[in-house]
Amino acid sequence: MSNTELDTDTIKSQLSSLELLRSKTQALVDCKATLLSKTEILDSKKNLLEETNVEKQKLQRERKLLREMLQNITKDLTAITEVEQSLAKESEELEKSVNKMRTEQYEPLHEQVNEIRVQNGMSKLPHIQQELEAQMAKTLEDRRMKWQQEESSNSSKRKSYRSRKS
C-alpha cells in the first residue's frame, strides 16, 4: 500500500467518522429540542393540574357549605312547621272557647242587661260585634298607614340611590 492509498483510506475513514458525528449530533439536537418542548408542555400540564385541583377543592368546600346551609334551612322549616301547627291548634281551641263563651255567657247576659236597661228607660248597649268591627277597622287603618310610610321611605331611598348612581 502506498502512502497515497493510506492517506485516502484515512481521509475516507475520517470523513465517514465526521459524517457519523454530524448525523449523531443532529439526532442529539433534535432529541434535545423535543425533550425541552415536551418538558415545557409537562410543566404546563402539571401547573394546570394543580390549578384544577385547587379549584376542585374550593368547589368541594363551597358544596359542603351549601349542603350545611340547606340542612339548616330544612331544620328551620321543620321548626317553623311545628310552630305553625301548634299555633293553628291553639287558635282553633281559643276560637272554640271564644265562641262557647259568646253563646253560653255573653249573649244571655247581654240580652238580660238590655232588657233591664229598656225597662228602666235606658238605651240598649251595643253588641260586642260592633266593638270588634271598630277595633278591626282601626287595626287595618294602622296597617295601611304603616305600609304607606314604608313605601314612602323605600321610594325616597330608591330615588336617593338613583341620584347617587347617576
Foldseek 3Di string as FASTA:
>chain_A
DDPVVVVVVVVVVVVVVVVVVVVVVVVVVVVVVVVVVVVVVVVVVVVVVVVVVVVVVVVVVVVVVVVVVVVVVVVVVVVVVVVVVVVVVVVVVVVVVVVCCCVVPVVVVLVVVQVVCVVVVHHRDDDVVVVVVVVVVVVVVVVVVVVVVVVVVVVVVVVVVVVVVD
